Amino acid sequence: MNLKNLETFVWVATLGSFTAAGDRLGATQPTISGRIASLEADLGVKLFDRVGRRAQLTPAGRDLLPRAEQMMALAAEIEASAGEGETLRGAVRLGASETLVHTWMPDLLRILHADYPDISVEIHVDLSVNLRDQLVARELDIAFLMGPVSEPTMKNTPLCAYEMAWAASPDLPLPARRLSLSHLAQMPIITFLRQTRPHIEIRHALSQPGLPPPRISGSSSVATMIRLAEDGAGLVAVPKVLVREQVRTGRLLLIKTDLDVPALEFTCTYPVNPNNPRAQLIDRLAQDVVKKHRA
């Protein structure tokens, strides 16, 4: 039995489409169809029914899938035992929240490039809510995001957490005391986009009777948020680690308020099946890099 045909079967079953499996494996649709036809001939059963553009497993296909996944996992273990750095190769589609790009991710990429030159990384920086959807759709192999992702098909590993802080330009007129919710509601606020946890937490806290409607500007770019705050456009709510240099040089001041925004907690998340040893490697390396940054 051809292992490549078995791998193709697992991906078609996972993605529900010959075309999607071809995109994932870098093969044409006729090639994917040929591999499945060959596997069906070897086994003497029909594995898929075509329903429009979708490929649905037959009873024989559903019976085969868990055993095929086990075989693929075993093949990956054998490859890894032969020497991980020598056998792991190929592209990894890695999603990441921008906060991590500005902290420890460069160190992780340096290690990957140096120790695993046959692995190429395609980086997709996006909001966690979008990264979650892309993982579930198998458009990403692994993601560092505000998790966990509540899907039984996903493995979530706790990664790191970052304290949130309020900061503002020294030129922004602010009372010389701790800011109450009433004061915050009157200030222009800059933070992450509307569908993110920090934005939701801030809007909820300031949407109380007796307070004016909050003025919250959301941005998908951390760099943009910090620059706007430096220019006096408003009070910014961001991970404290990202404004450390601006605070050190006096371009921003940390502001005490009555609204403590919960820390951003990140996970390393990737699909359990099909087995992906490259994702498991990146998970392990990321854990090591994060530990060094904490030290």
C-alpha atoms as a PDB file:
ATOM      1  CA  MET A   1       0.000   0.000   0.000  1.00  0.00           C
ATOM      2  CA  ASN A   2       1.403   3.388  -1.038  1.00  0.00           C
ATOM      3  CA  LEU A   3       1.878   5.705   1.950  1.00  0.00           C
ATOM      4  CA  LYS A   4       1.402   8.800  -0.230  1.00  0.00           C
ATOM      5  CA  ASN A   5      -2.008   7.502  -1.294  1.00  0.00           C
ATOM      6  CA  LEU A   6      -2.938   6.942   2.344  1.00  0.00           C
ATOM      7  CA  GLU A   7      -1.834  10.473   3.248  1.00  0.00           C
ATOM      8  CA  THR A   8      -3.949  11.829   0.394  1.00  0.00           C
ATOM      9  CA  PHE A   9      -6.956   9.867   1.664  1.00  0.00           C
ATOM     10  CA  VAL A  10      -6.559  11.384   5.147  1.00  0.00           C
ATOM     11  CA  TRP A  11      -6.386  14.925   3.762  1.00  0.00           C
ATOM     12  CA  VAL A  12      -9.387  14.486   1.476  1.00  0.00           C
ATOM     13  CA  ALA A  13     -11.354  13.081   4.421  1.00  0.00           C
ATOM     14  CA  THR A  14     -10.229  15.948   6.675  1.00  0.00           C
ATOM     15  CA  LEU A  15     -10.879  18.768   4.212  1.00  0.00           C
ATOM     16  CA  GLY A  16     -13.885  17.199   2.497  1.00  0.00           C
ATOM     17  CA  SER A  17     -12.665  18.067  -0.977  1.00  0.00           C
ATOM     18  CA  PHE A  18     -10.294  16.671  -3.588  1.00  0.00           C
ATOM     19  CA  THR A  19      -9.421  20.222  -4.629  1.00  0.00           C
ATOM     20  CA  ALA A  20      -8.669  21.378  -1.079  1.00  0.00           C
ATOM     21  CA  ALA A  21      -6.509  18.294  -0.483  1.00  0.00           C
ATOM     22  CA  GLY A  22      -4.629  19.071  -3.700  1.00  0.00           C
ATOM     23  CA  ASP A  23      -3.976  22.624  -2.539  1.00  0.00           C
ATOM     24  CA  ARG A  24      -2.723  21.341   0.811  1.00  0.00           C
ATOM     25  CA  LEU A  25      -0.432  18.709  -0.730  1.00  0.00           C
ATOM     26  CA  GLY A  26       0.717  20.790  -3.696  1.00  0.00           C
ATOM     27  CA  ALA A  27      -0.803  18.357  -6.199  1.00  0.00           C
ATOM     28  CA  THR A  28      -3.287  18.737  -9.038  1.00  0.00           C
ATOM     29  CA  GLN A  29      -6.862  17.516  -8.721  1.00  0.00           C
ATOM     30  CA  PRO A  30      -6.269  14.704 -11.276  1.00  0.00           C
ATOM     31  CA  THR A  31      -3.269  13.564  -9.211  1.00  0.00           C
ATOM     32  CA  ILE A  32      -5.377  13.475  -6.049  1.00  0.00           C
ATOM     33  CA  SER A  33      -8.127  11.570  -7.853  1.00  0.00           C
ATOM     34  CA  GLY A  34      -5.566   9.103  -9.175  1.00  0.00           C
ATOM     35  CA  ARG A  35      -4.132   8.438  -5.732  1.00  0.00           C
ATOM     36  CA  ILE A  36      -7.579   7.805  -4.266  1.00  0.00           C
ATOM     37  CA  ALA A  37      -8.511   5.538  -7.197  1.00  0.00           C
ATOM     38  CA  SER A  38      -5.295   3.576  -6.683  1.00  0.00           C
ATOM     39  CA  LEU A  39      -5.979   3.202  -2.949  1.00  0.00           C
ATOM     40  CA  GLU A  40      -9.547   2.071  -3.635  1.00  0.00           C
ATOM     41  CA  ALA A  41      -8.234  -0.505  -6.130  1.00  0.00           C
ATOM     42  CA  ASP A  42      -5.710  -1.811  -3.576  1.00  0.00           C
ATOM     43  CA  LEU A  43      -8.412  -2.183  -0.908  1.00  0.00           C
ATOM     44  CA  GLY A  44     -11.235  -3.252  -3.199  1.00  0.00           C
ATOM     45  CA  VAL A  45     -13.685  -0.732  -1.692  1.00  0.00           C
ATOM     46  CA  LYS A  46     -15.085   2.687  -2.499  1.00  0.00           C
ATOM     47  CA  LEU A  47     -13.871   5.306  -0.036  1.00  0.00           C
ATOM     48  CA  PHE A  48     -15.717   8.479  -1.100  1.00  0.00           C
ATOM     49  CA  ASP A  49     -19.042   9.546  -2.553  1.00  0.00           C
ATOM     50  CA  ARG A  50     -19.081  12.778  -4.561  1.00  0.00           C
ATOM     51  CA  VAL A  51     -21.853  15.159  -3.454  1.00  0.00           C
ATOM     52  CA  GLY A  52     -21.473  18.282  -5.566  1.00  0.00           C
ATOM     53  CA  ARG A  53     -17.974  19.540  -4.879  1.00  0.00           C
ATOM     54  CA  ARG A  54     -17.800  17.730  -1.568  1.00  0.00           C
ATOM     55  CA  ALA A  55     -16.269  14.323  -0.955  1.00  0.00           C
ATOM     56  CA  GLN A  56     -18.123  12.329   1.702  1.00  0.00           C
ATOM     57  CA  LEU A  57     -16.721   9.197   3.282  1.00  0.00           C
ATOM     58  CA  THR A  58     -18.474   5.940   2.556  1.00  0.00           C
ATOM     59  CA  PRO A  59     -18.932   3.435   5.420  1.00  0.00           C
ATOM     60  CA  ALA A  60     -15.697   1.778   4.273  1.00  0.00           C
ATOM     61  CA  GLY A  61     -13.967   5.167   4.265  1.00  0.00           C
ATOM     62  CA  ARG A  62     -15.157   5.978   7.779  1.00  0.00           C
ATOM     63  CA  ASP A  63     -13.845   2.622   8.944  1.00  0.00           C
ATOM     64  CA  LEU A  64     -10.464   3.220   7.334  1.00  0.00           C
ATOM     65  CA  LEU A  65      -9.897   6.803   8.529  1.00  0.00           C
ATOM     66  CA  PRO A  66      -8.823   6.203  12.171  1.00  0.00           C
ATOM     67  CA  ARG A  67      -6.457   3.418  11.125  1.00  0.00           C
ATOM     68  CA  ALA A  68      -5.041   5.567   8.336  1.00  0.00           C
ATOM     69  CA  GLU A  69      -4.431   8.379  10.821  1.00  0.00           C
ATOM     70  CA  GLN A  70      -2.633   5.926  13.111  1.00  0.00           C
ATOM     71  CA  MET A  71      -0.432   4.781  10.234  1.00  0.00           C
ATOM     72  CA  MET A  72       0.456   8.369   9.334  1.00  0.00           C
ATOM     73  CA  ALA A  73       1.327   9.104  12.962  1.00  0.00           C
ATOM     74  CA  LEU A  74       3.510   6.003  13.112  1.00  0.00           C
ATOM     75  CA  ALA A  75       5.271   6.998   9.893  1.00  0.00           C
ATOM     76  CA  ALA A  76       5.980  10.426  11.391  1.00  0.00           C
ATOM     77  CA  GLU A  77       7.430   8.816  14.537  1.00  0.00           C
ATOM     78  CA  ILE A  78       9.709   6.622  12.446  1.00  0.00           C
ATOM     79  CA  GLU A  79      10.951   9.638  10.502  1.00  0.00           C
ATOM     80  CA  ALA A  80      11.563  11.577  13.690  1.00  0.00           C
ATOM     81  CA  SER A  81      13.470   8.705  15.317  1.00  0.00           C
ATOM     82  CA  ALA A  82      15.823   8.653  12.321  1.00  0.00           C
ATOM     83  CA  GLY A  83      17.019  12.153  13.158  1.00  0.00           C
ATOM     84  CA  GLU A  84      14.623  15.036  13.471  1.00  0.00           C
ATOM     85  CA  GLY A  85      16.841  17.747  12.020  1.00  0.00           C
ATOM     86  CA  GLU A  86      17.630  15.627   8.974  1.00  0.00           C
ATOM     87  CA  THR A  87      14.148  14.344   8.161  1.00  0.00           C
ATOM     88  CA  LEU A  88      11.783  17.222   8.903  1.00  0.00           C
ATOM     89  CA  ARG A  89      11.217  19.325   5.821  1.00  0.00           C
ATOM     90  CA  GLY A  90       8.493  21.174   3.982  1.00  0.00           C
ATOM     91  CA  ALA A  91       6.375  24.285   4.441  1.00  0.00           C
ATOM     92  CA  VAL A  92       4.553  25.242   7.629  1.00  0.00           C
ATOM     93  CA  ARG A  93       1.730  27.785   7.553  1.00  0.00           C
ATOM     94  CA  LEU A  94       2.128  29.574  10.877  1.00  0.00           C
ATOM     95  CA  GLY A  95      -0.442  32.054  12.175  1.00  0.00           C
ATOM     96  CA  ALA A  96       0.481  34.531  14.887  1.00  0.00           C
ATOM     97  CA  SER A  97      -0.946  37.410  16.876  1.00  0.00           C
ATOM     98  CA  GLU A  98       1.023  40.588  16.300  1.00  0.00           C
ATOM     99  CA  THR A  99       1.916  40.931  19.985  1.00  0.00           C
ATOM    100  CA  LEU A 100       4.119  37.833  19.721  1.00  0.00           C
ATOM    101  CA  VAL A 101       5.808  39.077  16.544  1.00  0.00           C
ATOM    102  CA  HIS A 102       7.070  42.021  18.620  1.00  0.00           C
ATOM    103  CA  THR A 103       8.323  39.852  21.498  1.00  0.00           C
ATOM    104  CA  TRP A 104       9.862  36.365  21.210  1.00  0.00           C
ATOM    105  CA  MET A 105       8.890  35.116  17.749  1.00  0.00           C
ATOM    106  CA  PRO A 106      12.032  36.445  16.005  1.00  0.00           C
ATOM    107  CA  ASP A 107      14.141  34.213  18.285  1.00  0.00           C
ATOM    108  CA  LEU A 108      12.004  31.201  17.375  1.00  0.00           C
ATOM    109  CA  LEU A 109      12.418  31.865  13.650  1.00  0.00           C
ATOM    110  CA  ARG A 110      16.188  32.227  14.025  1.00  0.00           C
ATOM    111  CA  ILE A 111      16.357  28.788  15.673  1.00  0.00           C
ATOM    112  CA  LEU A 112      14.180  27.220  12.988  1.00  0.00           C
ATOM    113  CA  HIS A 113      16.239  28.694  10.160  1.00  0.00           C
ATOM    114  CA  ALA A 114      19.522  27.650  11.768  1.00  0.00           C
ATOM    115  CA  ASP A 115      18.654  24.148  13.015  1.00  0.00           C
ATOM    116  CA  TYR A 116      15.961  23.068  10.548  1.00  0.00           C
ATOM    117  CA  PRO A 117      16.927  24.592   7.184  1.00  0.00           C
ATOM    118  CA  ASP A 118      14.602  22.260   5.264  1.00  0.00           C
ATOM    119  CA  ILE A 119      11.527  23.705   6.981  1.00  0.00           C
ATOM    120  CA  SER A 120      10.123  26.860   5.424  1.00  0.00           C
ATOM    121  CA  VAL A 121       7.688  29.012   7.372  1.00  0.00           C
ATOM    122  CA  GLU A 122       4.850  31.044   5.882  1.00  0.00           C
ATOM    123  CA  ILE A 123       3.806  33.587   8.527  1.00  0.00           C
ATOM    124  CA  HIS A 124       0.249  34.913   8.669  1.00  0.00           C
ATOM    125  CA  VAL A 125      -0.231  37.744  11.199  1.00  0.00           C
ATOM    126  CA  ASP A 126      -3.882  38.284  12.058  1.00  0.00           C
ATOM    127  CA  LEU A 127      -6.450  38.652  14.821  1.00  0.00           C
ATOM    128  CA  SER A 128      -6.931  35.605  17.028  1.00  0.00           C
ATOM    129  CA  VAL A 129     -10.560  35.248  15.946  1.00  0.00           C
ATOM    130  CA  ASN A 130      -9.435  34.982  12.313  1.00  0.00           C
ATOM    131  CA  LEU A 131      -6.552  32.656  13.135  1.00  0.00           C
ATOM    132  CA  ARG A 132      -9.000  30.359  14.907  1.00  0.00           C
ATOM    133  CA  ASP A 133     -11.223  30.149  11.830  1.00  0.00           C
ATOM    134  CA  GLN A 134      -8.227  29.519   9.584  1.00  0.00           C
ATOM    135  CA  LEU A 135      -7.049  26.682  11.822  1.00  0.00           C
ATOM    136  CA  VAL A 136     -10.452  25.017  11.813  1.00  0.00           C
ATOM    137  CA  ALA A 137     -10.604  25.341   8.011  1.00  0.00           C
ATOM    138  CA  ARG A 138      -7.083  23.824   7.854  1.00  0.00           C
ATOM    139  CA  GLU A 139      -5.778  26.945   6.133  1.00  0.00           C
ATOM    140  CA  LEU A 140      -3.086  27.094   8.832  1.00  0.00           C
ATOM    141  CA  ASP A 141      -0.977  24.275  10.251  1.00  0.00           C
ATOM    142  CA  ILE A 142      -0.350  25.926  13.620  1.00  0.00           C
ATOM    143  CA  ALA A 143      -1.046  29.248  15.323  1.00  0.00           C
ATOM    144  CA  PHE A 144       0.052  31.321  18.299  1.00  0.00           C
ATOM    145  CA  LEU A 145      -3.135  33.076  19.346  1.00  0.00           C
ATOM    146  CA  MET A 146      -5.298  34.171  22.240  1.00  0.00           C
ATOM    147  CA  GLY A 147      -6.729  30.763  23.017  1.00  0.00           C
ATOM    148  CA  PRO A 148      -7.599  28.124  23.711  1.00  0.00           C
ATOM    149  CA  VAL A 149      -9.590  27.077  20.654  1.00  0.00           C
ATOM    150  CA  SER A 150     -12.598  25.100  21.863  1.00  0.00           C
ATOM    151  CA  GLU A 151     -12.600  22.456  19.161  1.00  0.00           C
ATOM    152  CA  PRO A 152     -12.073  18.735  19.832  1.00  0.00           C
ATOM    153  CA  THR A 153      -9.924  18.553  16.690  1.00  0.00           C
ATOM    154  CA  MET A 154      -7.393  21.034  18.133  1.00  0.00           C
ATOM    155  CA  LYS A 155      -4.523  20.629  20.576  1.00  0.00           C
ATOM    156  CA  ASN A 156      -3.958  23.677  22.800  1.00  0.00           C
ATOM    157  CA  THR A 157      -0.725  24.192  24.711  1.00  0.00           C
ATOM    158  CA  PRO A 158      -0.497  27.149  27.147  1.00  0.00           C
ATOM    159  CA  LEU A 159       2.231  29.435  25.846  1.00  0.00           C
ATOM    160  CA  CYS A 160       2.529  32.809  27.561  1.00  0.00           C
ATOM    161  CA  ALA A 161       0.559  35.682  29.065  1.00  0.00           C
ATOM    162  CA  TYR A 162       1.122  39.434  28.889  1.00  0.00           C
ATOM    163  CA  GLU A 163      -0.045  42.013  31.386  1.00  0.00           C
ATOM    164  CA  MET A 164      -2.100  44.814  29.864  1.00  0.00           C
ATOM    165  CA  ALA A 165      -1.286  48.456  30.624  1.00  0.00           C
ATOM    166  CA  TRP A 166      -2.651  51.916  29.991  1.00  0.00           C
ATOM    167  CA  ALA A 167      -0.222  54.450  28.538  1.00  0.00           C
ATOM    168  CA  ALA A 168      -0.368  57.979  27.193  1.00  0.00           C
ATOM    169  CA  SER A 169       1.827  60.759  25.869  1.00  0.00           C
ATOM    170  CA  PRO A 170       3.159  63.213  28.504  1.00  0.00           C
ATOM    171  CA  ASP A 171       1.483  65.908  26.393  1.00  0.00           C
ATOM    172  CA  LEU A 172      -1.992  64.408  26.790  1.00  0.00           C
ATOM    173  CA  PRO A 173      -3.908  66.442  29.408  1.00  0.00           C
ATOM    174  CA  LEU A 174      -4.767  63.992  32.192  1.00  0.00           C
ATOM    175  CA  PRO A 175      -5.698  64.444  35.858  1.00  0.00           C
ATOM    176  CA  ALA A 176      -2.761  63.934  38.218  1.00  0.00           C
ATOM    177  CA  ARG A 177      -4.426  60.961  39.905  1.00  0.00           C
ATOM    178  CA  ARG A 178      -5.724  57.481  39.239  1.00  0.00           C
ATOM    179  CA  LEU A 179      -8.306  57.610  36.440  1.00  0.00           C
ATOM    180  CA  SER A 180     -11.811  56.517  37.338  1.00  0.00           C
ATOM    181  CA  LEU A 181     -14.194  54.847  34.924  1.00  0.00           C
ATOM    182  CA  SER A 182     -15.859  58.237  34.516  1.00  0.00           C
ATOM    183  CA  HIS A 183     -12.575  59.831  33.448  1.00  0.00           C
ATOM    184  CA  LEU A 184     -11.798  56.949  31.072  1.00  0.00           C
ATOM    185  CA  ALA A 185     -15.202  57.233  29.426  1.00  0.00           C
ATOM    186  CA  GLN A 186     -14.431  60.848  28.580  1.00  0.00           C
ATOM    187  CA  MET A 187     -11.035  60.068  27.032  1.00  0.00           C
ATOM    188  CA  PRO A 188     -10.282  58.906  23.488  1.00  0.00           C
ATOM    189  CA  ILE A 189      -9.105  55.299  23.855  1.00  0.00           C
ATOM    190  CA  ILE A 190      -6.946  53.334  21.429  1.00  0.00           C
ATOM    191  CA  THR A 191      -6.763  49.542  21.551  1.00  0.00           C
ATOM    192  CA  PHE A 192      -7.271  46.391  19.491  1.00  0.00           C
ATOM    193  CA  LEU A 193     -10.129  45.938  17.021  1.00  0.00           C
ATOM    194  CA  ARG A 194     -13.771  45.597  18.073  1.00  0.00           C
ATOM    195  CA  GLN A 195     -13.924  41.766  17.918  1.00  0.00           C
ATOM    196  CA  THR A 196     -10.908  41.299  20.223  1.00  0.00           C
ATOM    197  CA  ARG A 197     -11.048  40.507  23.938  1.00  0.00           C
ATOM    198  CA  PRO A 198      -9.391  43.765  25.147  1.00  0.00           C
ATOM    199  CA  HIS A 199     -11.773  45.905  23.102  1.00  0.00           C
ATOM    200  CA  ILE A 200     -14.798  43.939  24.310  1.00  0.00           C
ATOM    201  CA  GLU A 201     -13.670  44.135  27.962  1.00  0.00           C
ATOM    202  CA  ILE A 202     -13.095  47.908  27.794  1.00  0.00           C
ATOM    203  CA  ARG A 203     -16.343  48.661  25.978  1.00  0.00           C
ATOM    204  CA  HIS A 204     -18.316  46.500  28.415  1.00  0.00           C
ATOM    205  CA  ALA A 205     -16.742  48.146  31.472  1.00  0.00           C
ATOM    206  CA  LEU A 206     -17.432  51.668  30.168  1.00  0.00           C
ATOM    207  CA  SER A 207     -20.948  50.989  28.883  1.00  0.00           C
ATOM    208  CA  GLN A 208     -22.587  51.652  32.222  1.00  0.00           C
ATOM    209  CA  PRO A 209     -25.543  53.881  33.099  1.00  0.00           C
ATOM    210  CA  GLY A 210     -24.424  57.407  33.871  1.00  0.00           C
ATOM    211  CA  LEU A 211     -21.288  57.254  31.749  1.00  0.00           C
ATOM    212  CA  PRO A 212     -20.969  58.926  28.343  1.00  0.00           C
ATOM    213  CA  PRO A 213     -20.643  56.566  25.366  1.00  0.00           C
ATOM    214  CA  PRO A 214     -16.990  55.431  25.224  1.00  0.00           C
ATOM    215  CA  ARG A 215     -14.829  56.684  22.372  1.00  0.00           C
ATOM    216  CA  ILE A 216     -12.753  53.646  21.425  1.00  0.00           C
ATOM    217  CA  SER A 217     -10.632  53.482  18.294  1.00  0.00           C
ATOM    218  CA  GLY A 218      -9.568  49.987  17.267  1.00  0.00           C
ATOM    219  CA  SER A 219      -6.564  49.035  15.189  1.00  0.00           C
ATOM    220  CA  SER A 220      -5.210  45.754  13.833  1.00  0.00           C
ATOM    221  CA  SER A 221      -1.653  47.110  14.136  1.00  0.00           C
ATOM    222  CA  VAL A 222       0.104  47.338  17.491  1.00  0.00           C
ATOM    223  CA  ALA A 223       2.720  49.669  16.000  1.00  0.00           C
ATOM    224  CA  THR A 224      -0.034  52.023  14.808  1.00  0.00           C
ATOM    225  CA  MET A 225      -1.711  52.028  18.218  1.00  0.00           C
ATOM    226  CA  ILE A 226       1.521  52.928  20.000  1.00  0.00           C
ATOM    227  CA  ARG A 227       2.436  55.623  17.474  1.00  0.00           C
ATOM    228  CA  LEU A 228      -0.992  57.246  17.827  1.00  0.00           C
ATOM    229  CA  ALA A 229      -0.568  57.282  21.604  1.00  0.00           C
ATOM    230  CA  GLU A 230       2.896  58.857  21.275  1.00  0.00           C
ATOM    231  CA  ASP A 231       1.366  61.582  19.117  1.00  0.00           C
ATOM    232  CA  GLY A 232      -1.228  62.342  21.799  1.00  0.00           C
ATOM    233  CA  ALA A 233      -4.237  60.887  19.985  1.00  0.00           C
ATOM    234  CA  GLY A 234      -5.523  59.119  23.062  1.00  0.00           C
ATOM    235  CA  LEU A 235      -4.983  56.709  25.924  1.00  0.00           C
ATOM    236  CA  VAL A 236      -3.746  53.339  24.675  1.00  0.00           C
ATOM    237  CA  ALA A 237      -4.437  49.908  26.176  1.00  0.00           C
ATOM    238  CA  VAL A 238      -1.747  47.433  25.064  1.00  0.00           C
ATOM    239  CA  PRO A 239       0.465  44.711  26.520  1.00  0.00           C
ATOM    240  CA  LYS A 240       2.875  46.424  28.896  1.00  0.00           C
ATOM    241  CA  VAL A 241       5.895  44.722  27.354  1.00  0.00           C
ATOM    242  CA  LEU A 242       5.256  46.466  24.030  1.00  0.00           C
ATOM    243  CA  VAL A 243       5.610  49.985  25.450  1.00  0.00           C
ATOM    244  CA  ARG A 244       8.602  49.290  27.679  1.00  0.00           C
ATOM    245  CA  GLU A 245      11.016  51.220  25.446  1.00  0.00           C
ATOM    246  CA  GLN A 246       8.631  54.161  24.990  1.00  0.00           C
ATOM    247  CA  VAL A 247       8.185  54.403  28.771  1.00  0.00           C
ATOM    248  CA  ARG A 248      11.940  54.149  29.357  1.00  0.00           C
ATOM    249  CA  THR A 249      12.632  57.052  26.984  1.00  0.00           C
ATOM    250  CA  GLY A 250       9.726  59.164  28.256  1.00  0.00           C
ATOM    251  CA  ARG A 251       7.709  59.082  25.045  1.00  0.00           C
ATOM    252  CA  LEU A 252       4.863  57.412  26.947  1.00  0.00           C
ATOM    253  CA  LEU A 253       3.788  57.348  30.585  1.00  0.00           C
ATOM    254  CA  LEU A 254       2.099  54.406  32.310  1.00  0.00           C
ATOM    255  CA  ILE A 255      -1.308  55.510  33.605  1.00  0.00           C
ATOM    256  CA  LYS A 256      -3.093  54.046  36.627  1.00  0.00           C
ATOM    257  CA  THR A 257      -6.816  53.497  36.171  1.00  0.00           C
ATOM    258  CA  ASP A 258      -9.771  51.797  37.848  1.00  0.00           C
ATOM    259  CA  LEU A 259     -10.138  49.529  34.825  1.00  0.00           C
ATOM    260  CA  ASP A 260      -7.773  46.568  34.861  1.00  0.00           C
ATOM    261  CA  VAL A 261      -7.904  44.871  31.472  1.00  0.00           C
ATOM    262  CA  PRO A 262      -7.273  41.108  31.837  1.00  0.00           C
ATOM    263  CA  ALA A 263      -3.913  39.811  30.652  1.00  0.00           C
ATOM    264  CA  LEU A 264      -3.662  38.409  27.147  1.00  0.00           C
ATOM    265  CA  GLU A 265      -3.207  34.639  27.401  1.00  0.00           C
ATOM    266  CA  PHE A 266      -1.785  32.856  24.371  1.00  0.00           C
ATOM    267  CA  THR A 267      -1.743  29.225  23.331  1.00  0.00           C
ATOM    268  CA  CYS A 268       0.058  27.249  20.689  1.00  0.00           C
ATOM    269  CA  THR A 269      -2.751  25.526  18.813  1.00  0.00           C
ATOM    270  CA  TYR A 270      -2.768  23.064  15.936  1.00  0.00           C
ATOM    271  CA  PRO A 271      -4.971  20.268  14.547  1.00  0.00           C
ATOM    272  CA  VAL A 272      -4.590  16.852  16.149  1.00  0.00           C
ATOM    273  CA  ASN A 273      -5.136  15.086  12.823  1.00  0.00           C
ATOM    274  CA  PRO A 274      -3.623  14.601  10.361  1.00  0.00           C
ATOM    275  CA  ASN A 275      -0.454  14.187  12.390  1.00  0.00           C
ATOM    276  CA  ASN A 276       1.993  17.025  11.703  1.00  0.00           C
ATOM    277  CA  PRO A 277       5.467  16.544  13.213  1.00  0.00           C
ATOM    278  CA  ARG A 278       6.527  20.020  12.020  1.00  0.00           C
ATOM    279  CA  ALA A 279       3.768  21.612  14.101  1.00  0.00           C
ATOM    280  CA  GLN A 280       4.771  19.510  17.113  1.00  0.00           C
ATOM    281  CA  LEU A 281       8.390  20.618  16.669  1.00  0.00           C
ATOM    282  CA  ILE A 282       7.412  24.302  16.503  1.00  0.00           C
ATOM    283  CA  ASP A 283       5.243  23.884  19.597  1.00  0.00           C
ATOM    284  CA  ARG A 284       8.174  22.442  21.537  1.00  0.00           C
ATOM    285  CA  LEU A 285      10.632  25.084  20.314  1.00  0.00           C
ATOM    286  CA  ALA A 286       8.193  27.885  21.120  1.00  0.00           C
ATOM    287  CA  GLN A 287       7.827  26.610  24.689  1.00  0.00           C
ATOM    288  CA  ASP A 288      11.628  26.654  25.083  1.00  0.00           C
ATOM    289  CA  VAL A 289      11.961  30.169  23.657  1.00  0.00           C
ATOM    290  CA  VAL A 290       9.207  31.529  25.896  1.00  0.00           C
ATOM    291  CA  LYS A 291      10.887  30.016  28.983  1.00  0.00           C
ATOM    292  CA  LYS A 292      14.153  31.770  28.083  1.00  0.00           C
ATOM    293  CA  HIS A 293      12.351  35.090  27.702  1.00  0.00           C
ATOM    294  CA  ARG A 294      10.794  34.665  31.145  1.00  0.00           C
ATOM    295  CA  ALA A 295      14.183  33.965  32.760  1.00  0.00           C
END
